[in-house]
């Protein structure tokens, strides 16, 4: 009985030492080497910044060492198409600045295809906030994908994106008619 009691006390003592060594301190270091207080400050700063639904990325071309920049946003709504594209589709809006391809704005449907007959020279409707809708001419990609459309008028659209809160896009789909997508485009940070 005394041995069991001694072993139990020894285990409790060792666990207490381990807990004291590895327990929480006032500024515990996280996996990336920052302290909790630094993380809290960063989170507070983010709270002060306006929320944005834009995602950003950049990459470097291995052959030229030149940078490409990309920003994209996913539509707030999704639409339902018939088989084989059923199950809900979103529209993605991309801004791209690439040394090889230049500055582009394009849209991509997650499931579905744009009207095949209208790809090159297709006109879509775009509306920012409560302004009047206007037409934007589009062209298909060089690989003839049916799920991507490049918008003409890069500067006009990007300038408006920087000040708008919402953007609506109406586009025609193969055997599905015209559908409208809404984007929460507020707080775009794009200087490329």
C-alpha atoms as a PDB file:
ATOM      1  CA  UNK A   1       0.000   0.000   0.000  1.00  0.00           C
ATOM      2  CA  UNK A   2       2.862   2.367   0.878  1.00  0.00           C
ATOM      3  CA  UNK A   3       4.535   1.601  -2.456  1.00  0.00           C
ATOM      4  CA  UNK A   4       1.368   2.437  -4.392  1.00  0.00           C
ATOM      5  CA  UNK A   5       1.012   5.683  -2.451  1.00  0.00           C
ATOM      6  CA  UNK A   6       4.670   6.585  -3.089  1.00  0.00           C
ATOM      7  CA  UNK A   7       4.338   5.813  -6.813  1.00  0.00           C
ATOM      8  CA  UNK A   8       1.165   7.900  -7.028  1.00  0.00           C
ATOM      9  CA  UNK A   9       2.830  10.843  -5.274  1.00  0.00           C
ATOM     10  CA  UNK A  10       5.888  10.514  -7.513  1.00  0.00           C
ATOM     11  CA  UNK A  11       3.717  10.536 -10.655  1.00  0.00           C
ATOM     12  CA  UNK A  12       1.780  13.580  -9.407  1.00  0.00           C
ATOM     13  CA  UNK A  13       5.051  15.365  -8.585  1.00  0.00           C
ATOM     14  CA  UNK A  14       6.522  14.599 -12.034  1.00  0.00           C
ATOM     15  CA  UNK A  15       3.326  15.721 -13.778  1.00  0.00           C
ATOM     16  CA  UNK A  16       3.418  18.909 -11.716  1.00  0.00           C
ATOM     17  CA  UNK A  17       7.012  19.578 -12.828  1.00  0.00           C
ATOM     18  CA  UNK A  18       6.129  18.918 -16.459  1.00  0.00           C
ATOM     19  CA  UNK A  19       3.124  21.202 -16.157  1.00  0.00           C
ATOM     20  CA  UNK A  20       5.262  23.960 -14.627  1.00  0.00           C
ATOM     21  CA  UNK A  21       7.874  23.658 -17.376  1.00  0.00           C
ATOM     22  CA  UNK A  22       5.465  23.559 -20.289  1.00  0.00           C
ATOM     23  CA  UNK A  23       2.539  25.474 -18.858  1.00  0.00           C
ATOM     24  CA  UNK A  24       1.227  28.781 -20.127  1.00  0.00           C
ATOM     25  CA  UNK A  25       3.269  31.886 -19.511  1.00  0.00           C
ATOM     26  CA  UNK A  26       2.172  35.496 -19.874  1.00  0.00           C
ATOM     27  CA  UNK A  27       3.363  35.647 -23.486  1.00  0.00           C
ATOM     28  CA  UNK A  28       3.337  32.120 -24.795  1.00  0.00           C
ATOM     29  CA  UNK A  29       5.110  31.617 -28.104  1.00  0.00           C
ATOM     30  CA  UNK A  30       3.040  30.160 -30.940  1.00  0.00           C
ATOM     31  CA  UNK A  31       4.206  27.730 -33.615  1.00  0.00           C
ATOM     32  CA  UNK A  32       5.355  30.516 -35.913  1.00  0.00           C
ATOM     33  CA  UNK A  33       7.508  32.181 -33.254  1.00  0.00           C
ATOM     34  CA  UNK A  34       5.217  35.106 -32.441  1.00  0.00           C
ATOM     35  CA  UNK A  35       3.855  35.721 -28.986  1.00  0.00           C
ATOM     36  CA  UNK A  36       0.159  35.685 -28.108  1.00  0.00           C
ATOM     37  CA  UNK A  37       0.315  39.411 -27.385  1.00  0.00           C
ATOM     38  CA  UNK A  38       1.715  40.055 -30.877  1.00  0.00           C
ATOM     39  CA  UNK A  39      -1.026  37.896 -32.420  1.00  0.00           C
ATOM     40  CA  UNK A  40      -3.664  39.748 -30.400  1.00  0.00           C
ATOM     41  CA  UNK A  41      -2.331  43.096 -31.650  1.00  0.00           C
ATOM     42  CA  UNK A  42      -2.422  41.880 -35.250  1.00  0.00           C
ATOM     43  CA  UNK A  43      -6.004  40.640 -34.808  1.00  0.00           C
ATOM     44  CA  UNK A  44      -7.011  44.009 -33.321  1.00  0.00           C
ATOM     45  CA  UNK A  45      -5.438  45.818 -36.278  1.00  0.00           C
ATOM     46  CA  UNK A  46      -7.370  43.559 -38.658  1.00  0.00           C
ATOM     47  CA  UNK A  47     -10.604  44.426 -36.852  1.00  0.00           C
ATOM     48  CA  UNK A  48      -9.953  48.102 -37.592  1.00  0.00           C
ATOM     49  CA  UNK A  49      -9.397  47.395 -41.310  1.00  0.00           C
ATOM     50  CA  UNK A  50     -12.525  47.215 -43.453  1.00  0.00           C
ATOM     51  CA  UNK A  51     -13.480  43.638 -44.331  1.00  0.00           C
ATOM     52  CA  UNK A  52     -12.714  42.485 -47.846  1.00  0.00           C
ATOM     53  CA  UNK A  53     -13.721  39.325 -49.649  1.00  0.00           C
ATOM     54  CA  UNK A  54     -10.933  39.673 -52.194  1.00  0.00           C
ATOM     55  CA  UNK A  55      -8.155  37.056 -52.223  1.00  0.00           C
ATOM     56  CA  UNK A  56      -4.681  37.957 -53.497  1.00  0.00           C
ATOM     57  CA  UNK A  57      -1.693  36.018 -54.731  1.00  0.00           C
ATOM     58  CA  UNK A  58       1.557  36.586 -56.549  1.00  0.00           C
ATOM     59  CA  UNK A  59       3.963  34.240 -58.255  1.00  0.00           C
ATOM     60  CA  UNK A  60       7.348  34.451 -59.926  1.00  0.00           C
ATOM     61  CA  UNK A  61       7.989  33.038 -63.398  1.00  0.00           C
ATOM     62  CA  UNK A  62      10.946  30.664 -63.103  1.00  0.00           C
ATOM     63  CA  UNK A  63      12.195  31.519 -66.587  1.00  0.00           C
ATOM     64  CA  UNK A  64      12.057  35.318 -66.363  1.00  0.00           C
ATOM     65  CA  UNK A  65      12.009  36.006 -62.588  1.00  0.00           C
ATOM     66  CA  UNK A  66       9.131  38.415 -63.248  1.00  0.00           C
ATOM     67  CA  UNK A  67       6.166  38.623 -60.890  1.00  0.00           C
ATOM     68  CA  UNK A  68       2.531  37.969 -61.730  1.00  0.00           C
ATOM     69  CA  UNK A  69      -0.268  39.327 -59.542  1.00  0.00           C
ATOM     70  CA  UNK A  70      -3.774  37.979 -59.130  1.00  0.00           C
ATOM     71  CA  UNK A  71      -6.848  39.087 -57.193  1.00  0.00           C
ATOM     72  CA  UNK A  72     -10.121  37.216 -57.234  1.00  0.00           C
ATOM     73  CA  UNK A  73     -13.503  37.165 -55.575  1.00  0.00           C
ATOM     74  CA  UNK A  74     -16.340  34.621 -55.526  1.00  0.00           C
ATOM     75  CA  UNK A  75     -19.936  35.629 -56.212  1.00  0.00           C
ATOM     76  CA  UNK A  76     -22.231  35.946 -53.217  1.00  0.00           C
ATOM     77  CA  UNK A  77     -24.911  33.873 -54.912  1.00  0.00           C
ATOM     78  CA  UNK A  78     -24.871  30.645 -56.811  1.00  0.00           C
ATOM     79  CA  UNK A  79     -27.173  29.486 -59.566  1.00  0.00           C
ATOM     80  CA  UNK A  80     -28.483  26.037 -60.380  1.00  0.00           C
ATOM     81  CA  UNK A  81     -28.028  24.583 -63.834  1.00  0.00           C
ATOM     82  CA  UNK A  82     -29.401  21.390 -65.317  1.00  0.00           C
ATOM     83  CA  UNK A  83     -27.389  18.145 -65.510  1.00  0.00           C
ATOM     84  CA  UNK A  84     -24.404  17.765 -65.877  1.00  0.00           C
ATOM     85  CA  UNK A  85     -23.699  21.085 -64.122  1.00  0.00           C
ATOM     86  CA  UNK A  86     -26.318  20.825 -61.383  1.00  0.00           C
ATOM     87  CA  UNK A  87     -25.456  21.319 -57.726  1.00  0.00           C
ATOM     88  CA  UNK A  88     -24.859  25.063 -57.645  1.00  0.00           C
ATOM     89  CA  UNK A  89     -22.385  27.203 -59.580  1.00  0.00           C
ATOM     90  CA  UNK A  90     -20.593  30.379 -58.538  1.00  0.00           C
ATOM     91  CA  UNK A  91     -18.992  32.978 -60.759  1.00  0.00           C
ATOM     92  CA  UNK A  92     -15.432  34.071 -59.986  1.00  0.00           C
ATOM     93  CA  UNK A  93     -14.077  37.466 -60.960  1.00  0.00           C
ATOM     94  CA  UNK A  94     -10.316  37.732 -61.543  1.00  0.00           C
ATOM     95  CA  UNK A  95      -7.909  40.636 -61.942  1.00  0.00           C
ATOM     96  CA  UNK A  96      -4.529  39.660 -63.363  1.00  0.00           C
ATOM     97  CA  UNK A  97      -1.313  41.481 -64.135  1.00  0.00           C
ATOM     98  CA  UNK A  98       1.106  39.129 -65.819  1.00  0.00           C
ATOM     99  CA  UNK A  99       4.348  39.958 -67.664  1.00  0.00           C
ATOM    100  CA  UNK A 100       3.406  37.607 -70.493  1.00  0.00           C
ATOM    101  CA  UNK A 101      -0.336  38.336 -70.794  1.00  0.00           C
ATOM    102  CA  UNK A 102      -0.589  41.915 -69.505  1.00  0.00           C
ATOM    103  CA  UNK A 103      -3.490  43.290 -67.476  1.00  0.00           C
ATOM    104  CA  UNK A 104      -6.697  41.284 -67.702  1.00  0.00           C
ATOM    105  CA  UNK A 105     -10.068  41.019 -66.093  1.00  0.00           C
ATOM    106  CA  UNK A 106     -11.940  37.762 -66.560  1.00  0.00           C
ATOM    107  CA  UNK A 107     -14.796  35.721 -65.177  1.00  0.00           C
ATOM    108  CA  UNK A 108     -14.939  31.962 -64.662  1.00  0.00           C
ATOM    109  CA  UNK A 109     -17.940  29.790 -63.852  1.00  0.00           C
ATOM    110  CA  UNK A 110     -17.263  26.974 -61.374  1.00  0.00           C
ATOM    111  CA  UNK A 111     -19.595  24.526 -63.160  1.00  0.00           C
ATOM    112  CA  UNK A 112     -21.158  25.248 -66.533  1.00  0.00           C
ATOM    113  CA  UNK A 113     -20.248  26.889 -69.813  1.00  0.00           C
ATOM    114  CA  UNK A 114     -20.896  30.221 -71.401  1.00  0.00           C
ATOM    115  CA  UNK A 115     -22.960  30.394 -74.586  1.00  0.00           C
ATOM    116  CA  UNK A 116     -20.752  28.794 -77.248  1.00  0.00           C
ATOM    117  CA  UNK A 117     -22.201  30.867 -80.088  1.00  0.00           C
ATOM    118  CA  UNK A 118     -21.431  34.151 -78.363  1.00  0.00           C
ATOM    119  CA  UNK A 119     -18.003  33.610 -76.807  1.00  0.00           C
ATOM    120  CA  UNK A 120     -16.017  35.986 -79.014  1.00  0.00           C
ATOM    121  CA  UNK A 121     -17.745  39.321 -79.057  1.00  0.00           C
ATOM    122  CA  UNK A 122     -20.304  38.348 -76.406  1.00  0.00           C
ATOM    123  CA  UNK A 123     -21.679  41.276 -74.466  1.00  0.00           C
ATOM    124  CA  UNK A 124     -22.406  40.992 -70.770  1.00  0.00           C
ATOM    125  CA  UNK A 125     -24.110  43.492 -68.491  1.00  0.00           C
ATOM    126  CA  UNK A 126     -22.240  44.953 -65.519  1.00  0.00           C
ATOM    127  CA  UNK A 127     -23.683  47.118 -62.774  1.00  0.00           C
ATOM    128  CA  UNK A 128     -21.901  48.792 -59.864  1.00  0.00           C
ATOM    129  CA  UNK A 129     -23.849  49.741 -56.735  1.00  0.00           C
ATOM    130  CA  UNK A 130     -27.009  51.628 -57.768  1.00  0.00           C
ATOM    131  CA  UNK A 131     -25.547  52.972 -61.034  1.00  0.00           C
ATOM    132  CA  UNK A 132     -27.039  52.081 -64.399  1.00  0.00           C
ATOM    133  CA  UNK A 133     -25.921  48.812 -65.939  1.00  0.00           C
ATOM    134  CA  UNK A 134     -23.617  49.018 -68.957  1.00  0.00           C
ATOM    135  CA  UNK A 135     -22.446  46.570 -71.591  1.00  0.00           C
ATOM    136  CA  UNK A 136     -18.969  45.068 -71.632  1.00  0.00           C
ATOM    137  CA  UNK A 137     -17.672  43.154 -74.643  1.00  0.00           C
ATOM    138  CA  UNK A 138     -15.946  39.841 -73.938  1.00  0.00           C
ATOM    139  CA  UNK A 139     -13.639  37.380 -75.669  1.00  0.00           C
ATOM    140  CA  UNK A 140     -12.944  33.719 -75.057  1.00  0.00           C
ATOM    141  CA  UNK A 141      -9.548  32.408 -73.960  1.00  0.00           C
ATOM    142  CA  UNK A 142      -6.944  31.180 -76.440  1.00  0.00           C
ATOM    143  CA  UNK A 143      -7.447  27.565 -75.304  1.00  0.00           C
ATOM    144  CA  UNK A 144     -11.164  27.820 -76.242  1.00  0.00           C
ATOM    145  CA  UNK A 145     -12.361  26.921 -72.739  1.00  0.00           C
ATOM    146  CA  UNK A 146     -16.082  27.470 -72.408  1.00  0.00           C
ATOM    147  CA  UNK A 147     -15.980  28.404 -68.712  1.00  0.00           C
ATOM    148  CA  UNK A 148     -13.882  31.608 -69.000  1.00  0.00           C
ATOM    149  CA  UNK A 149     -14.624  35.030 -70.526  1.00  0.00           C
ATOM    150  CA  UNK A 150     -12.162  37.932 -70.740  1.00  0.00           C
ATOM    151  CA  UNK A 151     -13.735  41.366 -70.312  1.00  0.00           C
ATOM    152  CA  UNK A 152     -12.698  44.330 -72.446  1.00  0.00           C
ATOM    153  CA  UNK A 153     -12.263  47.766 -70.853  1.00  0.00           C
ATOM    154  CA  UNK A 154      -9.836  46.794 -68.084  1.00  0.00           C
ATOM    155  CA  UNK A 155      -9.167  50.338 -66.827  1.00  0.00           C
ATOM    156  CA  UNK A 156     -12.812  51.398 -66.717  1.00  0.00           C
ATOM    157  CA  UNK A 157     -13.886  48.287 -64.811  1.00  0.00           C
ATOM    158  CA  UNK A 158     -10.941  48.268 -62.377  1.00  0.00           C
ATOM    159  CA  UNK A 159     -11.311  51.982 -61.603  1.00  0.00           C
ATOM    160  CA  UNK A 160     -14.958  51.401 -60.745  1.00  0.00           C
ATOM    161  CA  UNK A 161     -14.171  48.260 -58.706  1.00  0.00           C
ATOM    162  CA  UNK A 162     -11.886  50.326 -56.470  1.00  0.00           C
ATOM    163  CA  UNK A 163     -14.749  52.611 -55.380  1.00  0.00           C
ATOM    164  CA  UNK A 164     -17.779  50.312 -55.538  1.00  0.00           C
ATOM    165  CA  UNK A 165     -19.321  48.179 -52.833  1.00  0.00           C
ATOM    166  CA  UNK A 166     -21.234  45.769 -55.066  1.00  0.00           C
ATOM    167  CA  UNK A 167     -20.994  44.559 -58.627  1.00  0.00           C
ATOM    168  CA  UNK A 168     -23.574  42.584 -60.583  1.00  0.00           C
ATOM    169  CA  UNK A 169     -22.772  40.621 -63.721  1.00  0.00           C
ATOM    170  CA  UNK A 170     -25.390  39.171 -66.101  1.00  0.00           C
ATOM    171  CA  UNK A 171     -24.073  36.647 -68.587  1.00  0.00           C
ATOM    172  CA  UNK A 172     -25.617  34.104 -70.964  1.00  0.00           C
ATOM    173  CA  UNK A 173     -24.938  30.380 -70.520  1.00  0.00           C
ATOM    174  CA  UNK A 174     -25.237  27.484 -72.947  1.00  0.00           C
ATOM    175  CA  UNK A 175     -28.804  26.105 -72.821  1.00  0.00           C
ATOM    176  CA  UNK A 176     -29.435  27.969 -69.538  1.00  0.00           C
ATOM    177  CA  UNK A 177     -30.217  31.551 -70.548  1.00  0.00           C
ATOM    178  CA  UNK A 178     -28.936  34.657 -68.791  1.00  0.00           C
ATOM    179  CA  UNK A 179     -28.049  34.521 -65.098  1.00  0.00           C
ATOM    180  CA  UNK A 180     -27.027  37.323 -62.747  1.00  0.00           C
ATOM    181  CA  UNK A 181     -24.304  37.109 -60.116  1.00  0.00           C
ATOM    182  CA  UNK A 182     -23.618  39.561 -57.284  1.00  0.00           C
ATOM    183  CA  UNK A 183     -20.184  40.328 -55.842  1.00  0.00           C
ATOM    184  CA  UNK A 184     -19.266  42.153 -52.628  1.00  0.00           C
ATOM    185  CA  UNK A 185     -16.311  44.035 -54.153  1.00  0.00           C
ATOM    186  CA  UNK A 186     -15.714  46.554 -51.345  1.00  0.00           C
ATOM    187  CA  UNK A 187     -12.167  47.363 -50.266  1.00  0.00           C
ATOM    188  CA  UNK A 188     -10.250  46.130 -53.299  1.00  0.00           C
ATOM    189  CA  UNK A 189      -6.499  46.707 -52.913  1.00  0.00           C
ATOM    190  CA  UNK A 190      -5.095  46.586 -56.457  1.00  0.00           C
ATOM    191  CA  UNK A 191      -2.148  48.685 -57.620  1.00  0.00           C
ATOM    192  CA  UNK A 192      -0.877  46.427 -60.384  1.00  0.00           C
END
